[in-house]
Structure formats: structure tokens, C-alpha cells
All heavy atoms as atom14 arrays in JSON, in Angstrom:
{
  "sequence": "TVYLQMNRLKPEDTAVYYCNARITAGALKYFDYYWGQGTQVTV",
  "atom14_mask": [
    [1, 1, 1, 1, 1, 1, 1, 0, 0, 0, 0, 0, 0, 0],
    [1, 1, 1, 1, 1, 1, 1, 0, 0, 0, 0, 0, 0, 0],
    [1, 1, 1, 1, 1, 1, 1, 1, 1, 1, 1, 1, 0, 0],
    [1, 1, 1, 1, 1, 1, 1, 1, 0, 0, 0, 0, 0, 0],
    [1, 1, 1, 1, 1, 1, 1, 1, 1, 0, 0, 0, 0, 0],
    [1, 1, 1, 1, 1, 1, 1, 1, 0, 0, 0, 0, 0, 0],
    [1, 1, 1, 1, 1, 1, 1, 1, 0, 0, 0, 0, 0, 0],
    [1, 1, 1, 1, 1, 1, 1, 1, 1, 1, 1, 0, 0, 0],
    [1, 1, 1, 1, 1, 1, 1, 1, 0, 0, 0, 0, 0, 0],
    [1, 1, 1, 1, 1, 1, 1, 1, 1, 0, 0, 0, 0, 0],
    [1, 1, 1, 1, 1, 1, 1, 0, 0, 0, 0, 0, 0, 0],
    [1, 1, 1, 1, 1, 1, 1, 1, 1, 0, 0, 0, 0, 0],
    [1, 1, 1, 1, 1, 1, 1, 1, 0, 0, 0, 0, 0, 0],
    [1, 1, 1, 1, 1, 1, 1, 0, 0, 0, 0, 0, 0, 0],
    [1, 1, 1, 1, 1, 0, 0, 0, 0, 0, 0, 0, 0, 0],
    [1, 1, 1, 1, 1, 1, 1, 0, 0, 0, 0, 0, 0, 0],
    [1, 1, 1, 1, 1, 1, 1, 1, 1, 1, 1, 1, 0, 0],
    [1, 1, 1, 1, 1, 1, 1, 1, 1, 1, 1, 1, 0, 0],
    [1, 1, 1, 1, 1, 1, 0, 0, 0, 0, 0, 0, 0, 0],
    [1, 1, 1, 1, 1, 1, 1, 1, 0, 0, 0, 0, 0, 0],
    [1, 1, 1, 1, 1, 0, 0, 0, 0, 0, 0, 0, 0, 0],
    [1, 1, 1, 1, 1, 1, 1, 1, 1, 1, 1, 0, 0, 0],
    [1, 1, 1, 1, 1, 1, 1, 1, 0, 0, 0, 0, 0, 0],
    [1, 1, 1, 1, 1, 1, 1, 0, 0, 0, 0, 0, 0, 0],
    [1, 1, 1, 1, 1, 0, 0, 0, 0, 0, 0, 0, 0, 0],
    [1, 1, 1, 1, 0, 0, 0, 0, 0, 0, 0, 0, 0, 0],
    [1, 1, 1, 1, 1, 0, 0, 0, 0, 0, 0, 0, 0, 0],
    [1, 1, 1, 1, 1, 1, 1, 1, 0, 0, 0, 0, 0, 0],
    [1, 1, 1, 1, 1, 1, 1, 1, 1, 0, 0, 0, 0, 0],
    [1, 1, 1, 1, 1, 1, 1, 1, 1, 1, 1, 1, 0, 0],
    [1, 1, 1, 1, 1, 1, 1, 1, 1, 1, 1, 0, 0, 0],
    [1, 1, 1, 1, 1, 1, 1, 1, 0, 0, 0, 0, 0, 0],
    [1, 1, 1, 1, 1, 1, 1, 1, 1, 1, 1, 1, 0, 0],
    [1, 1, 1, 1, 1, 1, 1, 1, 1, 1, 1, 1, 0, 0],
    [1, 1, 1, 1, 1, 1, 1, 1, 1, 1, 1, 1, 1, 1],
    [1, 1, 1, 1, 0, 0, 0, 0, 0, 0, 0, 0, 0, 0],
    [1, 1, 1, 1, 1, 1, 1, 1, 1, 0, 0, 0, 0, 0],
    [1, 1, 1, 1, 0, 0, 0, 0, 0, 0, 0, 0, 0, 0],
    [1, 1, 1, 1, 1, 1, 1, 0, 0, 0, 0, 0, 0, 0],
    [1, 1, 1, 1, 1, 1, 1, 1, 1, 0, 0, 0, 0, 0],
    [1, 1, 1, 1, 1, 1, 1, 0, 0, 0, 0, 0, 0, 0],
    [1, 1, 1, 1, 1, 1, 1, 0, 0, 0, 0, 0, 0, 0],
    [1, 1, 1, 1, 1, 1, 1, 0, 0, 0, 0, 0, 0, 0]
  ],
  "atom14_positions": [
    [[0.83, -1.19, -0.01], [0.0, 0.0, 0.0], [0.87, 1.24, 0.01], [1.9, 1.31, 0.68], [-0.92, 0.02, 1.22], [-1.8, -1.13, 1.16], [-1.77, 1.29, 1.25], [0.0, 0.0, 0.0], [0.0, 0.0, 0.0], [0.0, 0.0, 0.0], [0.0, 0.0, 0.0], [0.0, 0.0, 0.0], [0.0, 0.0, 0.0], [0.0, 0.0, 0.0]],
    [[0.46, 2.23, -0.77], [1.08, 3.54, -0.77], [0.06, 4.57, -0.32], [-1.15, 4.44, -0.62], [1.64, 3.91, -2.15], [0.55, 4.0, -3.2], [2.44, 5.2, -2.09], [0.0, 0.0, 0.0], [0.0, 0.0, 0.0], [0.0, 0.0, 0.0], [0.0, 0.0, 0.0], [0.0, 0.0, 0.0], [0.0, 0.0, 0.0], [0.0, 0.0, 0.0]],
    [[0.5, 5.55, 0.46], [-0.37, 6.57, 0.99], [0.12, 7.94, 0.5], [1.31, 8.16, 0.29], [-0.36, 6.57, 2.51], [-0.66, 5.23, 3.14], [0.34, 4.32, 3.43], [-2.0, 4.89, 3.43], [0.04, 3.1, 4.0], [-2.29, 3.67, 4.0], [-1.26, 2.78, 4.29], [-1.55, 1.55, 4.87], [0.0, 0.0, 0.0], [0.0, 0.0, 0.0]],
    [[-0.82, 8.84, 0.38], [-0.5, 10.22, 0.08], [-1.28, 11.07, 1.09], [-2.5, 11.21, 0.99], [-0.85, 10.62, -1.33], [-0.49, 12.08, -1.69], [1.01, 12.26, -1.73], [-1.12, 12.47, -3.04], [0.0, 0.0, 0.0], [0.0, 0.0, 0.0], [0.0, 0.0, 0.0], [0.0, 0.0, 0.0], [0.0, 0.0, 0.0], [0.0, 0.0, 0.0]],
    [[-0.58, 11.63, 2.02], [-1.15, 12.54, 2.99], [-0.96, 13.96, 2.47], [0.16, 14.41, 2.21], [-0.47, 12.39, 4.36], [-0.94, 13.41, 5.42], [-2.36, 13.13, 5.89], [-2.73, 12.0, 6.13], [-3.15, 14.2, 5.99], [0.0, 0.0, 0.0], [0.0, 0.0, 0.0], [0.0, 0.0, 0.0], [0.0, 0.0, 0.0], [0.0, 0.0, 0.0]],
    [[-2.07, 14.69, 2.3], [-2.04, 16.04, 1.83], [-2.65, 16.98, 2.87], [-3.78, 16.74, 3.33], [-2.75, 16.18, 0.49], [-2.13, 15.36, -0.64], [-2.76, 15.81, -2.29], [-2.09, 17.48, -2.44], [0.0, 0.0, 0.0], [0.0, 0.0, 0.0], [0.0, 0.0, 0.0], [0.0, 0.0, 0.0], [0.0, 0.0, 0.0], [0.0, 0.0, 0.0]],
    [[-1.92, 18.01, 3.19], [-2.34, 18.97, 4.18], [-2.45, 20.36, 3.54], [-1.91, 20.61, 2.43], [-1.38, 19.04, 5.35], [-1.22, 17.7, 6.04], [-2.17, 16.98, 6.27], [0.02, 17.35, 6.37], [0.0, 0.0, 0.0], [0.0, 0.0, 0.0], [0.0, 0.0, 0.0], [0.0, 0.0, 0.0], [0.0, 0.0, 0.0], [0.0, 0.0, 0.0]],
    [[-3.15, 21.27, 4.2], [-3.33, 22.63, 3.74], [-3.77, 22.63, 2.27], [-3.15, 23.32, 1.43], [-2.05, 23.45, 3.93], [-1.53, 23.42, 5.41], [-0.47, 24.45, 5.66], [0.61, 24.4, 4.74], [1.66, 23.57, 4.81], [1.71, 22.66, 5.77], [2.61, 23.62, 3.89], [0.0, 0.0, 0.0], [0.0, 0.0, 0.0], [0.0, 0.0, 0.0]],
    [[-4.78, 21.91, 1.99], [-5.27, 21.73, 0.62], [-5.78, 23.05, 0.05], [-6.34, 23.91, 0.75], [-6.36, 20.7, 0.54], [-5.86, 19.25, 0.67], [-7.01, 18.31, 1.03], [-5.21, 18.79, -0.65], [0.0, 0.0, 0.0], [0.0, 0.0, 0.0], [0.0, 0.0, 0.0], [0.0, 0.0, 0.0], [0.0, 0.0, 0.0], [0.0, 0.0, 0.0]],
    [[-5.56, 23.22, -1.27], [-5.94, 24.39, -1.99], [-6.92, 24.0, -3.07], [-6.9, 22.89, -3.56], [-4.7, 25.09, -2.61], [-3.61, 25.42, -1.62], [-2.38, 25.95, -2.34], [-1.26, 26.29, -1.39], [-0.06, 26.78, -2.08], [0.0, 0.0, 0.0], [0.0, 0.0, 0.0], [0.0, 0.0, 0.0], [0.0, 0.0, 0.0], [0.0, 0.0, 0.0]],
    [[-7.75, 24.96, -3.53], [-8.65, 24.64, -4.65], [-7.93, 24.14, -5.88], [-8.48, 23.3, -6.59], [-9.35, 26.0, -4.93], [-9.35, 26.67, -3.59], [-8.03, 26.28, -2.95], [0.0, 0.0, 0.0], [0.0, 0.0, 0.0], [0.0, 0.0, 0.0], [0.0, 0.0, 0.0], [0.0, 0.0, 0.0], [0.0, 0.0, 0.0], [0.0, 0.0, 0.0]],
    [[-6.72, 24.58, -6.12], [-5.97, 24.12, -7.29], [-5.46, 22.71, -7.13], [-4.92, 22.14, -8.1], [-4.78, 25.06, -7.59], [-3.94, 25.36, -6.36], [-4.25, 26.68, -5.72], [-5.46, 26.97, -5.55], [-3.32, 27.45, -5.41], [0.0, 0.0, 0.0], [0.0, 0.0, 0.0], [0.0, 0.0, 0.0], [0.0, 0.0, 0.0], [0.0, 0.0, 0.0]],
    [[-5.67, 22.1, -5.98], [-5.37, 20.67, -5.8], [-6.48, 19.8, -6.34], [-6.32, 18.59, -6.42], [-5.14, 20.34, -4.35], [-3.86, 20.96, -3.78], [-2.84, 20.95, -4.48], [-3.89, 21.42, -2.63], [0.0, 0.0, 0.0], [0.0, 0.0, 0.0], [0.0, 0.0, 0.0], [0.0, 0.0, 0.0], [0.0, 0.0, 0.0], [0.0, 0.0, 0.0]],
    [[-7.61, 20.41, -6.7], [-8.72, 19.63, -7.25], [-8.33, 18.92, -8.52], [-7.83, 19.56, -9.49], [-9.93, 20.57, -7.51], [-10.38, 21.11, -6.25], [-11.06, 19.82, -8.17], [0.0, 0.0, 0.0], [0.0, 0.0, 0.0], [0.0, 0.0, 0.0], [0.0, 0.0, 0.0], [0.0, 0.0, 0.0], [0.0, 0.0, 0.0], [0.0, 0.0, 0.0]],
    [[-8.53, 17.63, -8.54], [-8.14, 16.83, -9.67], [-8.57, 15.38, -9.44], [-9.0, 15.03, -8.35], [-6.61, 16.86, -9.91], [0.0, 0.0, 0.0], [0.0, 0.0, 0.0], [0.0, 0.0, 0.0], [0.0, 0.0, 0.0], [0.0, 0.0, 0.0], [0.0, 0.0, 0.0], [0.0, 0.0, 0.0], [0.0, 0.0, 0.0], [0.0, 0.0, 0.0]],
    [[-8.45, 14.58, -10.48], [-8.54, 13.13, -10.31], [-7.15, 12.64, -10.01], [-6.21, 12.88, -10.77], [-9.11, 12.43, -11.58], [-9.14, 10.93, -11.37], [-10.52, 12.96, -11.87], [0.0, 0.0, 0.0], [0.0, 0.0, 0.0], [0.0, 0.0, 0.0], [0.0, 0.0, 0.0], [0.0, 0.0, 0.0], [0.0, 0.0, 0.0], [0.0, 0.0, 0.0]],
    [[-7.02, 11.94, -8.91], [-5.74, 11.41, -8.48], [-5.65, 9.92, -8.85], [-6.53, 9.13, -8.53], [-5.54, 11.61, -6.98], [-5.22, 13.03, -6.61], [-6.18, 14.03, -6.73], [-3.95, 13.38, -6.19], [-5.88, 15.34, -6.39], [-3.67, 14.7, -5.85], [-4.64, 15.68, -5.97], [-4.34, 16.96, -5.66], [0.0, 0.0, 0.0], [0.0, 0.0, 0.0]],
    [[-4.52, 9.57, -9.49], [-4.32, 8.21, -9.95], [-3.09, 7.61, -9.24], [-2.06, 8.24, -9.13], [-4.04, 8.17, -11.45], [-5.23, 8.62, -12.31], [-5.37, 9.97, -12.67], [-6.14, 7.72, -12.75], [-6.4, 10.37, -13.44], [-7.18, 8.11, -13.54], [-7.32, 9.43, -13.88], [-8.37, 9.86, -14.69], [0.0, 0.0, 0.0], [0.0, 0.0, 0.0]],
    [[-3.28, 6.41, -8.79], [-2.17, 5.61, -8.24], [-1.43, 4.92, -9.38], [-2.05, 4.46, -10.33], [-2.74, 4.57, -7.24], [-1.49, 3.51, -6.53], [0.0, 0.0, 0.0], [0.0, 0.0, 0.0], [0.0, 0.0, 0.0], [0.0, 0.0, 0.0], [0.0, 0.0, 0.0], [0.0, 0.0, 0.0], [0.0, 0.0, 0.0], [0.0, 0.0, 0.0]],
    [[-0.13, 4.9, -9.27], [0.71, 4.24, -10.24], [1.73, 3.36, -9.53], [2.23, 3.73, -8.48], [1.44, 5.26, -11.12], [2.48, 4.63, -12.03], [3.65, 4.58, -11.76], [1.99, 4.14, -13.17], [0.0, 0.0, 0.0], [0.0, 0.0, 0.0], [0.0, 0.0, 0.0], [0.0, 0.0, 0.0], [0.0, 0.0, 0.0], [0.0, 0.0, 0.0]],
    [[2.02, 2.21, -10.13], [3.02, 1.32, -9.57], [3.79, 0.62, -10.64], [3.24, 0.28, -11.71], [2.37, 0.29, -8.64], [0.0, 0.0, 0.0], [0.0, 0.0, 0.0], [0.0, 0.0, 0.0], [0.0, 0.0, 0.0], [0.0, 0.0, 0.0], [0.0, 0.0, 0.0], [0.0, 0.0, 0.0], [0.0, 0.0, 0.0], [0.0, 0.0, 0.0]],
    [[5.07, 0.42, -10.43], [5.93, -0.37, -11.29], [6.11, -1.72, -10.6], [6.74, -1.8, -9.56], [7.27, 0.29, -11.52], [7.14, 1.7, -12.12], [8.48, 2.39, -12.11], [8.32, 3.84, -12.2], [9.2, 4.74, -11.84], [10.36, 4.33, -11.34], [8.98, 6.04, -11.97], [0.0, 0.0, 0.0], [0.0, 0.0, 0.0], [0.0, 0.0, 0.0]],
    [[5.59, -2.72, -11.23], [5.45, -4.03, -10.58], [5.94, -5.14, -11.5], [5.64, -5.15, -12.7], [4.01, -4.32, -10.18], [3.53, -3.33, -9.11], [3.82, -5.76, -9.68], [2.07, -3.43, -8.76], [0.0, 0.0, 0.0], [0.0, 0.0, 0.0], [0.0, 0.0, 0.0], [0.0, 0.0, 0.0], [0.0, 0.0, 0.0], [0.0, 0.0, 0.0]],
    [[6.72, -6.05, -10.95], [7.02, -7.32, -11.58], [6.03, -8.32, -11.11], [5.98, -8.61, -9.9], [8.45, -7.77, -11.31], [9.39, -6.86, -11.84], [8.71, -9.15, -11.95], [0.0, 0.0, 0.0], [0.0, 0.0, 0.0], [0.0, 0.0, 0.0], [0.0, 0.0, 0.0], [0.0, 0.0, 0.0], [0.0, 0.0, 0.0], [0.0, 0.0, 0.0]],
    [[5.24, -8.85, -12.02], [4.11, -9.74, -11.67], [4.51, -11.2, -11.86], [5.2, -11.53, -12.83], [2.89, -9.43, -12.51], [0.0, 0.0, 0.0], [0.0, 0.0, 0.0], [0.0, 0.0, 0.0], [0.0, 0.0, 0.0], [0.0, 0.0, 0.0], [0.0, 0.0, 0.0], [0.0, 0.0, 0.0], [0.0, 0.0, 0.0], [0.0, 0.0, 0.0]],
    [[4.06, -12.02, -10.96], [4.24, -13.5, -11.09], [5.71, -13.87, -11.26], [6.57, -13.44, -10.46], [0.0, 0.0, 0.0], [0.0, 0.0, 0.0], [0.0, 0.0, 0.0], [0.0, 0.0, 0.0], [0.0, 0.0, 0.0], [0.0, 0.0, 0.0], [0.0, 0.0, 0.0], [0.0, 0.0, 0.0], [0.0, 0.0, 0.0], [0.0, 0.0, 0.0]],
    [[5.97, -14.66, -12.27], [7.32, -15.15, -12.55], [7.99, -14.39, -13.69], [9.0, -14.87, -14.21], [7.3, -16.64, -12.85], [0.0, 0.0, 0.0], [0.0, 0.0, 0.0], [0.0, 0.0, 0.0], [0.0, 0.0, 0.0], [0.0, 0.0, 0.0], [0.0, 0.0, 0.0], [0.0, 0.0, 0.0], [0.0, 0.0, 0.0], [0.0, 0.0, 0.0]],
    [[7.46, -13.26, -14.05], [8.03, -12.48, -15.18], [9.36, -11.89, -14.83], [9.7, -11.68, -13.65], [7.03, -11.39, -15.6], [5.67, -11.84, -16.05], [4.79, -10.65, -16.37], [5.76, -12.79, -17.25], [0.0, 0.0, 0.0], [0.0, 0.0, 0.0], [0.0, 0.0, 0.0], [0.0, 0.0, 0.0], [0.0, 0.0, 0.0], [0.0, 0.0, 0.0]],
    [[10.14, -11.58, -15.87], [11.47, -11.02, -15.68], [11.47, -9.5, -15.75], [12.48, -8.88, -15.42], [12.44, -11.6, -16.74], [12.61, -13.09, -16.71], [13.34, -13.54, -15.46], [13.64, -15.04, -15.53], [14.35, -15.49, -14.32], [0.0, 0.0, 0.0], [0.0, 0.0, 0.0], [0.0, 0.0, 0.0], [0.0, 0.0, 0.0], [0.0, 0.0, 0.0]],
    [[10.42, -8.91, -16.22], [10.36, -7.47, -16.44], [9.28, -6.85, -15.55], [8.45, -7.58, -14.96], [10.06, -7.16, -17.91], [8.75, -7.78, -18.4], [7.59, -7.04, -18.34], [8.75, -9.05, -18.96], [6.38, -7.58, -18.8], [7.56, -9.6, -19.42], [6.4, -8.87, -19.34], [5.2, -9.4, -19.77], [0.0, 0.0, 0.0], [0.0, 0.0, 0.0]],
    [[9.28, -5.54, -15.49], [8.22, -4.86, -14.75], [7.31, -4.08, -15.72], [7.71, -3.72, -16.82], [8.82, -3.87, -13.72], [9.56, -2.69, -14.26], [8.9, -1.56, -14.68], [10.94, -2.72, -14.37], [9.55, -0.49, -15.2], [11.64, -1.62, -14.88], [10.94, -0.49, -15.3], [0.0, 0.0, 0.0], [0.0, 0.0, 0.0], [0.0, 0.0, 0.0]],
    [[6.1, -3.88, -15.3], [5.12, -3.1, -16.04], [4.56, -1.98, -15.14], [4.72, -2.02, -13.91], [3.96, -3.98, -16.51], [4.31, -4.85, -17.7], [5.13, -4.4, -18.51], [3.78, -5.96, -17.8], [0.0, 0.0, 0.0], [0.0, 0.0, 0.0], [0.0, 0.0, 0.0], [0.0, 0.0, 0.0], [0.0, 0.0, 0.0], [0.0, 0.0, 0.0]],
    [[3.97, -1.01, -15.8], [3.3, 0.06, -15.09], [1.83, -0.27, -14.93], [1.19, -0.71, -15.89], [3.47, 1.37, -15.85], [4.89, 1.88, -15.95], [5.7, 1.53, -17.01], [5.41, 2.74, -14.96], [7.01, 2.0, -17.09], [6.68, 3.21, -15.05], [7.5, 2.84, -16.11], [8.79, 3.3, -16.19], [0.0, 0.0, 0.0], [0.0, 0.0, 0.0]],
    [[1.33, -0.06, -13.76], [-0.06, -0.3, -13.47], [-0.7, 0.93, -12.91], [-0.05, 1.75, -12.19], [-0.21, -1.44, -12.47], [0.26, -2.79, -12.99], [1.59, -3.16, -12.9], [-0.63, -3.67, -13.61], [2.01, -4.37, -13.38], [-0.2, -4.9, -14.09], [1.14, -5.23, -13.97], [1.57, -6.42, -14.5], [0.0, 0.0, 0.0], [0.0, 0.0, 0.0]],
    [[-1.96, 1.13, -13.23], [-2.71, 2.33, -12.86], [-3.98, 1.96, -12.12], [-4.64, 0.97, -12.46], [-3.08, 3.18, -14.06], [-1.91, 3.85, -14.73], [-1.19, 3.38, -15.77], [-1.32, 5.1, -14.37], [-0.21, 4.27, -16.11], [-0.25, 5.35, -15.26], [-1.61, 6.07, -13.38], [0.52, 6.5, -15.21], [-0.84, 7.2, -13.34], [0.21, 7.4, -14.24]],
    [[-4.31, 2.75, -11.13], [-5.62, 2.66, -10.55], [-6.63, 3.4, -11.42], [-6.32, 4.03, -12.41], [0.0, 0.0, 0.0], [0.0, 0.0, 0.0], [0.0, 0.0, 0.0], [0.0, 0.0, 0.0], [0.0, 0.0, 0.0], [0.0, 0.0, 0.0], [0.0, 0.0, 0.0], [0.0, 0.0, 0.0], [0.0, 0.0, 0.0], [0.0, 0.0, 0.0]],
    [[-7.91, 3.31, -11.02], [-8.98, 3.91, -11.78], [-9.12, 5.39, -11.54], [-9.81, 6.11, -12.29], [-10.29, 3.21, -11.5], [-10.34, 1.78, -11.99], [-10.2, 1.69, -13.51], [-10.95, 2.37, -14.25], [-9.23, 0.89, -13.94], [0.0, 0.0, 0.0], [0.0, 0.0, 0.0], [0.0, 0.0, 0.0], [0.0, 0.0, 0.0], [0.0, 0.0, 0.0]],
    [[-8.5, 5.89, -10.48], [-8.56, 7.31, -10.16], [-9.6, 7.58, -9.07], [-10.63, 6.92, -8.99], [0.0, 0.0, 0.0], [0.0, 0.0, 0.0], [0.0, 0.0, 0.0], [0.0, 0.0, 0.0], [0.0, 0.0, 0.0], [0.0, 0.0, 0.0], [0.0, 0.0, 0.0], [0.0, 0.0, 0.0], [0.0, 0.0, 0.0], [0.0, 0.0, 0.0]],
    [[-9.3, 8.57, -8.29], [-10.22, 9.02, -7.26], [-10.28, 10.53, -7.26], [-9.29, 11.21, -7.35], [-9.83, 8.47, -5.86], [-10.78, 8.87, -4.87], [-8.45, 8.97, -5.45], [0.0, 0.0, 0.0], [0.0, 0.0, 0.0], [0.0, 0.0, 0.0], [0.0, 0.0, 0.0], [0.0, 0.0, 0.0], [0.0, 0.0, 0.0], [0.0, 0.0, 0.0]],
    [[-11.51, 11.04, -7.23], [-11.72, 12.47, -7.34], [-11.45, 13.17, -6.01], [-11.97, 12.76, -4.97], [-13.16, 12.77, -7.77], [-13.5, 14.26, -7.84], [-12.82, 14.95, -8.98], [-12.81, 14.48, -10.11], [-12.21, 16.14, -8.71], [0.0, 0.0, 0.0], [0.0, 0.0, 0.0], [0.0, 0.0, 0.0], [0.0, 0.0, 0.0], [0.0, 0.0, 0.0]],
    [[-10.64, 14.21, -6.06], [-10.41, 15.08, -4.92], [-10.91, 16.47, -5.3], [-10.46, 17.04, -6.29], [-8.95, 15.15, -4.51], [-8.69, 16.21, -3.43], [-8.43, 13.77, -4.02], [0.0, 0.0, 0.0], [0.0, 0.0, 0.0], [0.0, 0.0, 0.0], [0.0, 0.0, 0.0], [0.0, 0.0, 0.0], [0.0, 0.0, 0.0], [0.0, 0.0, 0.0]],
    [[-11.82, 17.0, -4.56], [-12.39, 18.29, -4.79], [-12.15, 19.17, -3.55], [-12.62, 18.79, -2.46], [-13.88, 18.25, -5.14], [-14.07, 17.41, -6.28], [-14.41, 19.64, -5.43], [0.0, 0.0, 0.0], [0.0, 0.0, 0.0], [0.0, 0.0, 0.0], [0.0, 0.0, 0.0], [0.0, 0.0, 0.0], [0.0, 0.0, 0.0], [0.0, 0.0, 0.0]],
    [[-11.5, 20.28, -3.75], [-11.22, 21.2, -2.66], [-12.06, 22.47, -2.85], [-11.88, 23.17, -3.85], [-9.73, 21.55, -2.58], [-9.44, 22.44, -1.38], [-8.88, 20.27, -2.48], [0.0, 0.0, 0.0], [0.0, 0.0, 0.0], [0.0, 0.0, 0.0], [0.0, 0.0, 0.0], [0.0, 0.0, 0.0], [0.0, 0.0, 0.0], [0.0, 0.0, 0.0]]
  ]
}
């Protein structure tokens, strides 16, 4: 799990926030980029 703690939020922080990870899956030798679906933050 990765966390993002944001304080003193501003209206310009309003956006869809996406999680990203570089992961080697299973028995593969390489890594791929994975994305979450996004979560809306409205300030």
C-alpha cells in the first residue's frame, strides 16, 4: 500500500488522483506500469 497525506489543501489541488506502480508480476522477468482507476479530490 502507498499513501498520500495532503495537508493545507488548496482549490488548485482539485483533480482526479491516480495511483501508479511499477510491478514485476508473477514469474516475469520485467516490470510493467499499473494504474488505478482514479479518485476524485475536490477542494
